[in-house]
PDB file of N, CA and C in Angstrom:
ATOM      1  N   MET A   1       4.459  18.044 -20.539  1.00  0.00           N
ATOM      2  CA  MET A   1       5.139  16.970 -19.828  1.00  0.00           C
ATOM      3  C   MET A   1       6.426  17.537 -19.236  1.00  0.00           C
ATOM      4  N   SER A   2       6.647  17.300 -17.924  1.00  0.00           N
ATOM      5  CA  SER A   2       7.847  17.823 -17.273  1.00  0.00           C
ATOM      6  C   SER A   2       9.067  17.039 -17.727  1.00  0.00           C
ATOM      7  N   ALA A   3      10.254  17.577 -17.452  1.00  0.00           N
ATOM      8  CA  ALA A   3      11.495  16.939 -17.870  1.00  0.00           C
ATOM      9  C   ALA A   3      11.677  15.582 -17.198  1.00  0.00           C
ATOM     10  N   ASP A   4      11.112  15.408 -16.012  1.00  0.00           N
ATOM     11  CA  ASP A   4      11.271  14.156 -15.282  1.00  0.00           C
ATOM     12  C   ASP A   4      10.322  13.066 -15.769  1.00  0.00           C
ATOM     13  N   LYS A   5       9.269  13.436 -16.439  1.00  0.00           N
ATOM     14  CA  LYS A   5       8.266  12.462 -16.872  1.00  0.00           C
ATOM     15  C   LYS A   5       8.631  11.913 -18.242  1.00  0.00           C
ATOM     16  N   ARG A   6       8.261  10.650 -18.428  1.00  0.00           N
ATOM     17  CA  ARG A   6       8.501  10.022 -19.717  1.00  0.00           C
ATOM     18  C   ARG A   6       7.393   9.018 -19.975  1.00  0.00           C
ATOM     19  N   THR A   7       7.213   8.660 -21.213  1.00  0.00           N
ATOM     20  CA  THR A   7       6.215   7.669 -21.566  1.00  0.00           C
ATOM     21  C   THR A   7       6.859   6.293 -21.489  1.00  0.00           C
ATOM     22  N   VAL A   8       6.171   5.390 -20.786  1.00  0.00           N
ATOM     23  CA  VAL A   8       6.655   4.021 -20.651  1.00  0.00           C
ATOM     24  C   VAL A   8       5.553   3.072 -21.094  1.00  0.00           C
ATOM     25  N   THR A   9       5.958   1.886 -21.501  1.00  0.00           N
ATOM     26  CA  THR A   9       5.005   0.843 -21.855  1.00  0.00           C
ATOM     27  C   THR A   9       5.179  -0.291 -20.862  1.00  0.00           C
ATOM     28  N   LEU A  10       4.089  -0.642 -20.193  1.00  0.00           N
ATOM     29  CA  LEU A  10       4.111  -1.720 -19.218  1.00  0.00           C
ATOM     30  C   LEU A  10       3.302  -2.887 -19.755  1.00  0.00           C
ATOM     31  N   GLU A  11       3.777  -4.090 -19.517  1.00  0.00           N
ATOM     32  CA  GLU A  11       3.040  -5.284 -19.902  1.00  0.00           C
ATOM     33  C   GLU A  11       2.409  -5.869 -18.647  1.00  0.00           C
ATOM     34  N   LEU A  12       1.076  -5.920 -18.661  1.00  0.00           N
ATOM     35  CA  LEU A  12       0.311  -6.432 -17.525  1.00  0.00           C
ATOM     36  C   LEU A  12      -0.784  -7.357 -18.022  1.00  0.00           C
ATOM     37  N   ALA A  13      -0.878  -8.517 -17.416  1.00  0.00           N
ATOM     38  CA  ALA A  13      -1.955  -9.468 -17.714  1.00  0.00           C
ATOM     39  C   ALA A  13      -2.084  -9.723 -19.218  1.00  0.00           C
ATOM     40  N   GLY A  14      -0.949  -9.776 -19.876  1.00  0.00           N
ATOM     41  CA  GLY A  14      -0.965 -10.076 -21.304  1.00  0.00           C
ATOM     42  C   GLY A  14      -1.203  -8.897 -22.219  1.00  0.00           C
ATOM     43  N   GLY A  15      -1.347  -7.716 -21.669  1.00  0.00           N
ATOM     44  CA  GLY A  15      -1.578  -6.534 -22.494  1.00  0.00           C
ATOM     45  C   GLY A  15      -0.494  -5.497 -22.293  1.00  0.00           C
ATOM     46  N   LYS A  16      -0.423  -4.562 -23.216  1.00  0.00           N
ATOM     47  CA  LYS A  16       0.552  -3.470 -23.127  1.00  0.00           C
ATOM     48  C   LYS A  16      -0.191  -2.181 -22.825  1.00  0.00           C
ATOM     49  N   PHE A  17       0.358  -1.430 -21.872  1.00  0.00           N
ATOM     50  CA  PHE A  17      -0.240  -0.170 -21.456  1.00  0.00           C
ATOM     51  C   PHE A  17       0.814   0.917 -21.498  1.00  0.00           C
ATOM     52  N   ARG A  18       0.502   2.001 -22.195  1.00  0.00           N
ATOM     53  CA  ARG A  18       1.413   3.158 -22.250  1.00  0.00           C
ATOM     54  C   ARG A  18       0.936   4.178 -21.229  1.00  0.00           C
ATOM     55  N   LEU A  19       1.871   4.706 -20.474  1.00  0.00           N
ATOM     56  CA  LEU A  19       1.533   5.751 -19.522  1.00  0.00           C
ATOM     57  C   LEU A  19       2.712   6.677 -19.331  1.00  0.00           C
ATOM     58  N   THR A  20       2.407   7.840 -18.793  1.00  0.00           N
ATOM     59  CA  THR A  20       3.442   8.818 -18.489  1.00  0.00           C
ATOM     60  C   THR A  20       3.761   8.701 -17.013  1.00  0.00           C
ATOM     61  N   SER A  21       5.049   8.621 -16.703  1.00  0.00           N
ATOM     62  CA  SER A  21       5.455   8.406 -15.320  1.00  0.00           C
ATOM     63  C   SER A  21       6.788   9.070 -15.044  1.00  0.00           C
ATOM     64  N   ASP A  22       6.967   9.461 -13.770  1.00  0.00           N
ATOM     65  CA  ASP A  22       8.270   9.951 -13.336  1.00  0.00           C
ATOM     66  C   ASP A  22       8.913   8.949 -12.381  1.00  0.00           C
ATOM     67  N   ALA A  23       8.310   7.762 -12.246  1.00  0.00           N
ATOM     68  CA  ALA A  23       8.832   6.736 -11.351  1.00  0.00           C
ATOM     69  C   ALA A  23      10.089   6.099 -11.940  1.00  0.00           C
ATOM     70  N   GLU A  24      10.949   5.636 -11.042  1.00  0.00           N
ATOM     71  CA  GLU A  24      12.170   4.936 -11.456  1.00  0.00           C
ATOM     72  C   GLU A  24      11.792   3.612 -12.113  1.00  0.00           C
ATOM     73  N   ASP A  25      12.614   3.160 -13.042  1.00  0.00           N
ATOM     74  CA  ASP A  25      12.353   1.900 -13.737  1.00  0.00           C
ATOM     75  C   ASP A  25      12.251   0.725 -12.760  1.00  0.00           C
ATOM     76  N   ASP A  26      13.137   0.668 -11.776  1.00  0.00           N
ATOM     77  CA  ASP A  26      13.099  -0.432 -10.804  1.00  0.00           C
ATOM     78  C   ASP A  26      11.787  -0.445 -10.033  1.00  0.00           C
ATOM     79  N   HIS A  27      11.294   0.724  -9.685  1.00  0.00           N
ATOM     80  CA  HIS A  27      10.026   0.820  -8.963  1.00  0.00           C
ATOM     81  C   HIS A  27       8.871   0.320  -9.839  1.00  0.00           C
ATOM     82  N   LEU A  28       8.853   0.744 -11.092  1.00  0.00           N
ATOM     83  CA  LEU A  28       7.810   0.298 -12.012  1.00  0.00           C
ATOM     84  C   LEU A  28       7.878  -1.213 -12.214  1.00  0.00           C
ATOM     85  N   ARG A  29       9.098  -1.746 -12.333  1.00  0.00           N
ATOM     86  CA  ARG A  29       9.237  -3.195 -12.503  1.00  0.00           C
ATOM     87  C   ARG A  29       8.681  -3.938 -11.290  1.00  0.00           C
ATOM     88  N   ARG A  30       8.920  -3.417 -10.099  1.00  0.00           N
ATOM     89  CA  ARG A  30       8.398  -4.054  -8.882  1.00  0.00           C
ATOM     90  C   ARG A  30       6.874  -4.006  -8.851  1.00  0.00           C
ATOM     91  N   LEU A  31       6.304  -2.888  -9.252  1.00  0.00           N
ATOM     92  CA  LEU A  31       4.842  -2.782  -9.302  1.00  0.00           C
ATOM     93  C   LEU A  31       4.247  -3.766 -10.306  1.00  0.00           C
ATOM     94  N   VAL A  32       4.860  -3.846 -11.480  1.00  0.00           N
ATOM     95  CA  VAL A  32       4.401  -4.789 -12.496  1.00  0.00           C
ATOM     96  C   VAL A  32       4.509  -6.218 -11.961  1.00  0.00           C
ATOM     97  N   GLN A  33       5.609  -6.522 -11.299  1.00  0.00           N
ATOM     98  CA  GLN A  33       5.812  -7.856 -10.725  1.00  0.00           C
ATOM     99  C   GLN A  33       4.708  -8.181  -9.708  1.00  0.00           C
ATOM    100  N   MET A  34       4.367  -7.208  -8.856  1.00  0.00           N
ATOM    101  CA  MET A  34       3.302  -7.426  -7.868  1.00  0.00           C
ATOM    102  C   MET A  34       1.973  -7.734  -8.550  1.00  0.00           C
ATOM    103  N   VAL A  35       1.629  -6.958  -9.559  1.00  0.00           N
ATOM    104  CA  VAL A  35       0.365  -7.173 -10.264  1.00  0.00           C
ATOM    105  C   VAL A  35       0.382  -8.527 -10.968  1.00  0.00           C
ATOM    106  N   GLU A  36       1.477  -8.851 -11.626  1.00  0.00           N
ATOM    107  CA  GLU A  36       1.580 -10.127 -12.329  1.00  0.00           C
ATOM    108  C   GLU A  36       1.475 -11.305 -11.356  1.00  0.00           C
ATOM    109  N   GLU A  37       2.050 -11.165 -10.159  1.00  0.00           N
ATOM    110  CA  GLU A  37       1.938 -12.222  -9.151  1.00  0.00           C
ATOM    111  C   GLU A  37       0.478 -12.398  -8.732  1.00  0.00           C
ATOM    112  N   ARG A  38      -0.236 -11.281  -8.604  1.00  0.00           N
ATOM    113  CA  ARG A  38      -1.660 -11.346  -8.248  1.00  0.00           C
ATOM    114  C   ARG A  38      -2.470 -12.013  -9.342  1.00  0.00           C
ATOM    115  N   VAL A  39      -2.187 -11.664 -10.571  1.00  0.00           N
ATOM    116  CA  VAL A  39      -2.898 -12.280 -11.695  1.00  0.00           C
ATOM    117  C   VAL A  39      -2.612 -13.778 -11.717  1.00  0.00           C
ATOM    118  N   ALA A  40      -1.340 -14.156 -11.535  1.00  0.00           N
ATOM    119  CA  ALA A  40      -0.968 -15.577 -11.534  1.00  0.00           C
ATOM    120  C   ALA A  40      -1.658 -16.322 -10.395  1.00  0.00           C
ATOM    121  N   ALA A  41      -1.812 -15.648  -9.237  1.00  0.00           N
ATOM    122  CA  ALA A  41      -2.450 -16.280  -8.078  1.00  0.00           C
ATOM    123  C   ALA A  41      -3.925 -16.583  -8.340  1.00  0.00           C
ATOM    124  N   LEU A  42      -4.530 -15.886  -9.286  1.00  0.00           N
ATOM    125  CA  LEU A  42      -5.924 -16.157  -9.629  1.00  0.00           C
ATOM    126  C   LEU A  42      -6.066 -17.510 -10.325  1.00  0.00           C
ATOM    127  N   GLY A  43      -4.960 -18.010 -10.845  1.00  0.00           N
ATOM    128  CA  GLY A  43      -4.958 -19.329 -11.462  1.00  0.00           C
ATOM    129  C   GLY A  43      -5.070 -19.276 -12.963  1.00  0.00           C
ATOM    130  N   PRO A  44      -4.600 -20.343 -13.611  1.00  0.00           N
ATOM    131  CA  PRO A  44      -4.615 -20.369 -15.083  1.00  0.00           C
ATOM    132  C   PRO A  44      -6.026 -20.360 -15.661  1.00  0.00           C
ATOM    133  N   LYS A  45      -6.971 -20.936 -14.953  1.00  0.00           N
ATOM    134  CA  LYS A  45      -8.346 -20.961 -15.457  1.00  0.00           C
ATOM    135  C   LYS A  45      -8.898 -19.541 -15.570  1.00  0.00           C
ATOM    136  N   SER A  46      -8.583 -18.704 -14.578  1.00  0.00           N
ATOM    137  CA  SER A  46      -9.032 -17.310 -14.620  1.00  0.00           C
ATOM    138  C   SER A  46      -8.443 -16.582 -15.817  1.00  0.00           C
ATOM    139  N   SER A  47      -7.178 -16.827 -16.061  1.00  0.00           N
ATOM    140  CA  SER A  47      -6.512 -16.152 -17.179  1.00  0.00           C
ATOM    141  C   SER A  47      -7.118 -16.546 -18.516  1.00  0.00           C
ATOM    142  N   ARG A  48      -7.554 -17.793 -18.616  1.00  0.00           N
ATOM    143  CA  ARG A  48      -8.143 -18.248 -19.884  1.00  0.00           C
ATOM    144  C   ARG A  48      -9.578 -17.770 -20.061  1.00  0.00           C
ATOM    145  N   SER A  49     -10.317 -17.709 -18.947  1.00  0.00           N
ATOM    146  CA  SER A  49     -11.751 -17.421 -19.073  1.00  0.00           C
ATOM    147  C   SER A  49     -12.122 -15.956 -18.822  1.00  0.00           C
ATOM    148  N   SER A  50     -11.201 -15.163 -18.345  1.00  0.00           N
ATOM    149  CA  SER A  50     -11.510 -13.767 -18.027  1.00  0.00           C
ATOM    150  C   SER A  50     -10.784 -12.825 -18.976  1.00  0.00           C
ATOM    151  N   SER A  51     -11.401 -11.687 -19.192  1.00  0.00           N
ATOM    152  CA  SER A  51     -10.747 -10.673 -20.017  1.00  0.00           C
ATOM    153  C   SER A  51      -9.629 -10.017 -19.222  1.00  0.00           C
ATOM    154  N   GLN A  52      -8.751  -9.386 -19.948  1.00  0.00           N
ATOM    155  CA  GLN A  52      -7.649  -8.655 -19.334  1.00  0.00           C
ATOM    156  C   GLN A  52      -8.183  -7.599 -18.363  1.00  0.00           C
ATOM    157  N   ALA A  53      -9.224  -6.885 -18.776  1.00  0.00           N
ATOM    158  CA  ALA A  53      -9.813  -5.848 -17.922  1.00  0.00           C
ATOM    159  C   ALA A  53     -10.376  -6.460 -16.643  1.00  0.00           C
ATOM    160  N   HIS A  54     -11.018  -7.615 -16.762  1.00  0.00           N
ATOM    161  CA  HIS A  54     -11.587  -8.282 -15.592  1.00  0.00           C
ATOM    162  C   HIS A  54     -10.477  -8.706 -14.635  1.00  0.00           C
ATOM    163  N   LEU A  55      -9.425  -9.316 -15.145  1.00  0.00           N
ATOM    164  CA  LEU A  55      -8.304  -9.734 -14.302  1.00  0.00           C
ATOM    165  C   LEU A  55      -7.703  -8.553 -13.556  1.00  0.00           C
ATOM    166  N   LEU A  56      -7.475  -7.468 -14.283  1.00  0.00           N
ATOM    167  CA  LEU A  56      -6.865  -6.292 -13.657  1.00  0.00           C
ATOM    168  C   LEU A  56      -7.812  -5.640 -12.656  1.00  0.00           C
ATOM    169  N   ALA A  57      -9.120  -5.688 -12.927  1.00  0.00           N
ATOM    170  CA  ALA A  57     -10.097  -5.142 -11.976  1.00  0.00           C
ATOM    171  C   ALA A  57     -10.092  -5.952 -10.683  1.00  0.00           C
ATOM    172  N   VAL A  58     -10.039  -7.276 -10.800  1.00  0.00           N
ATOM    173  CA  VAL A  58     -10.005  -8.126  -9.608  1.00  0.00           C
ATOM    174  C   VAL A  58      -8.744  -7.855  -8.799  1.00  0.00           C
ATOM    175  N   VAL A  59      -7.613  -7.736  -9.478  1.00  0.00           N
ATOM    176  CA  VAL A  59      -6.355  -7.437  -8.785  1.00  0.00           C
ATOM    177  C   VAL A  59      -6.425  -6.056  -8.131  1.00  0.00           C
ATOM    178  N   ALA A  60      -6.956  -5.071  -8.841  1.00  0.00           N
ATOM    179  CA  ALA A  60      -7.066  -3.713  -8.288  1.00  0.00           C
ATOM    180  C   ALA A  60      -7.944  -3.704  -7.040  1.00  0.00           C
ATOM    181  N   LEU A  61      -9.059  -4.433  -7.075  1.00  0.00           N
ATOM    182  CA  LEU A  61      -9.935  -4.501  -5.900  1.00  0.00           C
ATOM    183  C   LEU A  61      -9.235  -5.176  -4.729  1.00  0.00           C
ATOM    184  N   GLY A  62      -8.491  -6.223  -4.996  1.00  0.00           N
ATOM    185  CA  GLY A  62      -7.735  -6.893  -3.935  1.00  0.00           C
ATOM    186  C   GLY A  62      -6.699  -5.975  -3.313  1.00  0.00           C
ATOM    187  N   LEU A  63      -5.980  -5.244  -4.153  1.00  0.00           N
ATOM    188  CA  LEU A  63      -4.977  -4.305  -3.645  1.00  0.00           C
ATOM    189  C   LEU A  63      -5.633  -3.167  -2.861  1.00  0.00           C
ATOM    190  N   ALA A  64      -6.762  -2.670  -3.340  1.00  0.00           N
ATOM    191  CA  ALA A  64      -7.478  -1.603  -2.636  1.00  0.00           C
ATOM    192  C   ALA A  64      -7.958  -2.094  -1.274  1.00  0.00           C
ATOM    193  N   ASP A  65      -8.447  -3.330  -1.214  1.00  0.00           N
ATOM    194  CA  ASP A  65      -8.894  -3.914   0.042  1.00  0.00           C
ATOM    195  C   ASP A  65      -7.729  -4.016   1.031  1.00  0.00           C
ATOM    196  N   GLU A  66      -6.584  -4.460   0.549  1.00  0.00           N
ATOM    197  CA  GLU A  66      -5.401  -4.548   1.414  1.00  0.00           C
ATOM    198  C   GLU A  66      -4.948  -3.171   1.884  1.00  0.00           C
ATOM    199  N   LEU A  67      -5.049  -2.174   1.017  1.00  0.00           N
ATOM    200  CA  LEU A  67      -4.685  -0.811   1.399  1.00  0.00           C
ATOM    201  C   LEU A  67      -5.581  -0.310   2.525  1.00  0.00           C
ATOM    202  N   LEU A  68      -6.890  -0.517   2.385  1.00  0.00           N
ATOM    203  CA  LEU A  68      -7.817  -0.087   3.439  1.00  0.00           C
ATOM    204  C   LEU A  68      -7.531  -0.804   4.753  1.00  0.00           C
ATOM    205  N   ALA A  69      -7.249  -2.094   4.694  1.00  0.00           N
ATOM    206  CA  ALA A  69      -6.923  -2.849   5.906  1.00  0.00           C
ATOM    207  C   ALA A  69      -5.638  -2.316   6.539  1.00  0.00           C
ATOM    208  N   ALA A  70      -4.644  -1.999   5.728  1.00  0.00           N
ATOM    209  CA  ALA A  70      -3.384  -1.455   6.251  1.00  0.00           C
ATOM    210  C   ALA A  70      -3.605  -0.079   6.879  1.00  0.00           C
ATOM    211  N   GLU A  71      -4.465   0.737   6.263  1.00  0.00           N
ATOM    212  CA  GLU A  71      -4.778   2.048   6.834  1.00  0.00           C
ATOM    213  C   GLU A  71      -5.489   1.907   8.172  1.00  0.00           C
ATOM    214  N   ARG A  72      -6.401   0.929   8.283  1.00  0.00           N
ATOM    215  CA  ARG A  72      -7.087   0.682   9.559  1.00  0.00           C
ATOM    216  C   ARG A  72      -6.089   0.256  10.633  1.00  0.00           C
ATOM    217  N   ARG A  73      -5.169  -0.646  10.258  1.00  0.00           N
ATOM    218  CA  ARG A  73      -4.146  -1.092  11.221  1.00  0.00           C
ATOM    219  C   ARG A  73      -3.258   0.071  11.641  1.00  0.00           C
ATOM    220  N   ALA A  74      -2.900   0.931  10.704  1.00  0.00           N
ATOM    221  CA  ALA A  74      -2.049   2.088  11.020  1.00  0.00           C
ATOM    222  C   ALA A  74      -2.777   3.041  11.963  1.00  0.00           C
ATOM    223  N   ARG A  75      -4.073   3.287  11.717  1.00  0.00           N
ATOM    224  CA  ARG A  75      -4.847   4.156  12.616  1.00  0.00           C
ATOM    225  C   ARG A  75      -4.947   3.547  14.006  1.00  0.00           C
ATOM    226  N   ALA A  76      -5.181   2.241  14.074  1.00  0.00           N
ATOM    227  CA  ALA A  76      -5.274   1.569  15.378  1.00  0.00           C
ATOM    228  C   ALA A  76      -3.946   1.667  16.117  1.00  0.00           C
ATOM    229  N   LEU A  77      -2.849   1.501  15.411  1.00  0.00           N
ATOM    230  CA  LEU A  77      -1.528   1.617  16.026  1.00  0.00           C
ATOM    231  C   LEU A  77      -1.269   3.043  16.495  1.00  0.00           C
ATOM    232  N   GLU A  78      -1.649   4.025  15.675  1.00  0.00           N
ATOM    233  CA  GLU A  78      -1.500   5.425  16.075  1.00  0.00           C
ATOM    234  C   GLU A  78      -2.322   5.722  17.323  1.00  0.00           C
ATOM    235  N   ASP A  79      -3.561   5.237  17.357  1.00  0.00           N
ATOM    236  CA  ASP A  79      -4.421   5.454  18.525  1.00  0.00           C
ATOM    237  C   ASP A  79      -3.821   4.812  19.768  1.00  0.00           C
ATOM    238  N   SER A  80      -3.339   3.597  19.626  1.00  0.00           N
ATOM    239  CA  SER A  80      -2.735   2.881  20.748  1.00  0.00           C
ATOM    240  C   SER A  80      -1.481   3.603  21.242  1.00  0.00           C
ATOM    241  N   THR A  81      -0.662   4.065  20.319  1.00  0.00           N
ATOM    242  CA  THR A  81       0.559   4.791  20.676  1.00  0.00           C
ATOM    243  C   THR A  81       0.216   6.108  21.355  1.00  0.00           C
ATOM    244  N   ARG A  82      -0.774   6.819  20.794  1.00  0.00           N
ATOM    245  CA  ARG A  82      -1.192   8.093  21.380  1.00  0.00           C
ATOM    246  C   ARG A  82      -1.686   7.882  22.814  1.00  0.00           C
ATOM    247  N   LYS A  83      -2.465   6.830  23.010  1.00  0.00           N
ATOM    248  CA  LYS A  83      -3.005   6.526  24.330  1.00  0.00           C
ATOM    249  C   LYS A  83      -1.874   6.179  25.308  1.00  0.00           C
ATOM    250  N   ALA A  84      -0.899   5.394  24.869  1.00  0.00           N
ATOM    251  CA  ALA A  84       0.223   5.013  25.728  1.00  0.00           C
ATOM    252  C   ALA A  84       1.066   6.232  26.101  1.00  0.00           C
ATOM    253  N   VAL A  85       1.307   7.118  25.129  1.00  0.00           N
ATOM    254  CA  VAL A  85       2.091   8.327  25.398  1.00  0.00           C
ATOM    255  C   VAL A  85       1.332   9.245  26.358  1.00  0.00           C
ATOM    256  N   THR A  86       0.031   9.404  26.136  1.00  0.00           N
ATOM    257  CA  THR A  86      -0.783  10.246  27.014  1.00  0.00           C
ATOM    258  C   THR A  86      -0.757   9.704  28.436  1.00  0.00           C
ATOM    259  N   THR A  87      -0.916   8.404  28.592  1.00  0.00           N
ATOM    260  CA  THR A  87      -0.878   7.786  29.917  1.00  0.00           C
ATOM    261  C   THR A  87       0.476   7.998  30.569  1.00  0.00           C
ATOM    262  N   ALA A  88       1.540   7.821  29.831  1.00  0.00           N
ATOM    263  CA  ALA A  88       2.887   8.015  30.379  1.00  0.00           C
ATOM    264  C   ALA A  88       3.097   9.464  30.801  1.00  0.00           C
ATOM    265  N   LEU A  89       2.646  10.406  29.982  1.00  0.00           N
ATOM    266  CA  LEU A  89       2.796  11.818  30.340  1.00  0.00           C
ATOM    267  C   LEU A  89       1.977  12.163  31.586  1.00  0.00           C
ATOM    268  N   GLU A  90       0.791  11.601  31.697  1.00  0.00           N
ATOM    269  CA  GLU A  90      -0.022  11.846  32.893  1.00  0.00           C
ATOM    270  C   GLU A  90       0.671  11.311  34.137  1.00  0.00           C
ATOM    271  N   ARG A  91       1.278  10.130  34.026  1.00  0.00           N
ATOM    272  CA  ARG A  91       2.010   9.568  35.166  1.00  0.00           C
ATOM    273  C   ARG A  91       3.209  10.435  35.532  1.00  0.00           C
ATOM    274  N   ILE A  92       3.914  10.923  34.534  1.00  0.00           N
ATOM    275  CA  ILE A  92       5.066  11.798  34.791  1.00  0.00           C
ATOM    276  C   ILE A  92       4.587  13.086  35.459  1.00  0.00           C
ATOM    277  N   ASP A  93       3.510  13.664  34.950  1.00  0.00           N
ATOM    278  CA  ASP A  93       2.974  14.894  35.540  1.00  0.00           C
ATOM    279  C   ASP A  93       2.581  14.676  36.994  1.00  0.00           C
ATOM    280  N   ARG A  94       1.943  13.537  37.306  1.00  0.00           N
ATOM    281  CA  ARG A  94       1.560  13.247  38.690  1.00  0.00           C
ATOM    282  C   ARG A  94       2.785  13.112  39.577  1.00  0.00           C
ATOM    283  N   ARG A  95       3.813  12.446  39.084  1.00  0.00           N
ATOM    284  CA  ARG A  95       5.038  12.292  39.881  1.00  0.00           C
ATOM    285  C   ARG A  95       5.712  13.633  40.132  1.00  0.00           C
ATOM    286  N   LEU A  96       5.729  14.478  39.103  1.00  0.00           N
ATOM    287  CA  LEU A  96       6.343  15.793  39.263  1.00  0.00           C
ATOM    288  C   LEU A  96       5.525  16.654  40.232  1.00  0.00           C
ATOM    289  N   ALA A  97       4.202  16.512  40.160  1.00  0.00           N
ATOM    290  CA  ALA A  97       3.339  17.289  41.051  1.00  0.00           C
ATOM    291  C   ALA A  97       3.488  16.856  42.502  1.00  0.00           C
ATOM    292  N   ASP A  98       3.791  15.582  42.727  1.00  0.00           N
ATOM    293  CA  ASP A  98       3.973  15.068  44.074  1.00  0.00           C
ATOM    294  C   ASP A  98       5.270  15.584  44.702  1.00  0.00           C
ATOM    295  N   GLY A  99       6.143  16.067  43.913  1.00  0.00           N
ATOM    296  CA  GLY A  99       7.409  16.577  44.437  1.00  0.00           C
ATOM    297  C   GLY A  99       8.437  15.460  44.629  1.00  0.00           C
ATOM    298  N   PRO A 100       9.634  15.848  45.036  1.00  0.00           N
ATOM    299  CA  PRO A 100      10.711  14.851  45.203  1.00  0.00           C
ATOM    300  C   PRO A 100      10.406  13.907  46.373  1.00  0.00           C
ATOM    301  N   ARG A 101      10.842  12.680  46.200  1.00  0.00           N
ATOM    302  CA  ARG A 101      10.693  11.672  47.263  1.00  0.00           C
ATOM    303  C   ARG A 101      12.001  11.559  48.015  1.00  0.00           C
ATOM    304  N   ASP A 102      11.898  11.395  49.293  1.00  0.00           N
ATOM    305  CA  ASP A 102      13.113  11.258  50.112  1.00  0.00           C
ATOM    306  C   ASP A 102      13.413   9.814  50.399  1.00  0.00           C
TER     307      ASP A 102
END
């Protein structure tokens, strides 16, 4: 274990999980808060009728789905930006090739 890593205990969906992490405490607290908000959004009935593992699996799948959607949006934005820059450069090249205007 490196000097920066330490063992922490996180409480998620009613259970305690020990893990080794080099993340800042504030960052870990925010992650736990996000997961807990997702579990709460599933509703009290889910919490009563589902196992801890099931709740966390549903939350993990939801987060993974959002990650994939965000990656798709980022790729689309990159493609759009690349296309706009390429078009602008082509226009600049054409203007430069035409020479100065009087």
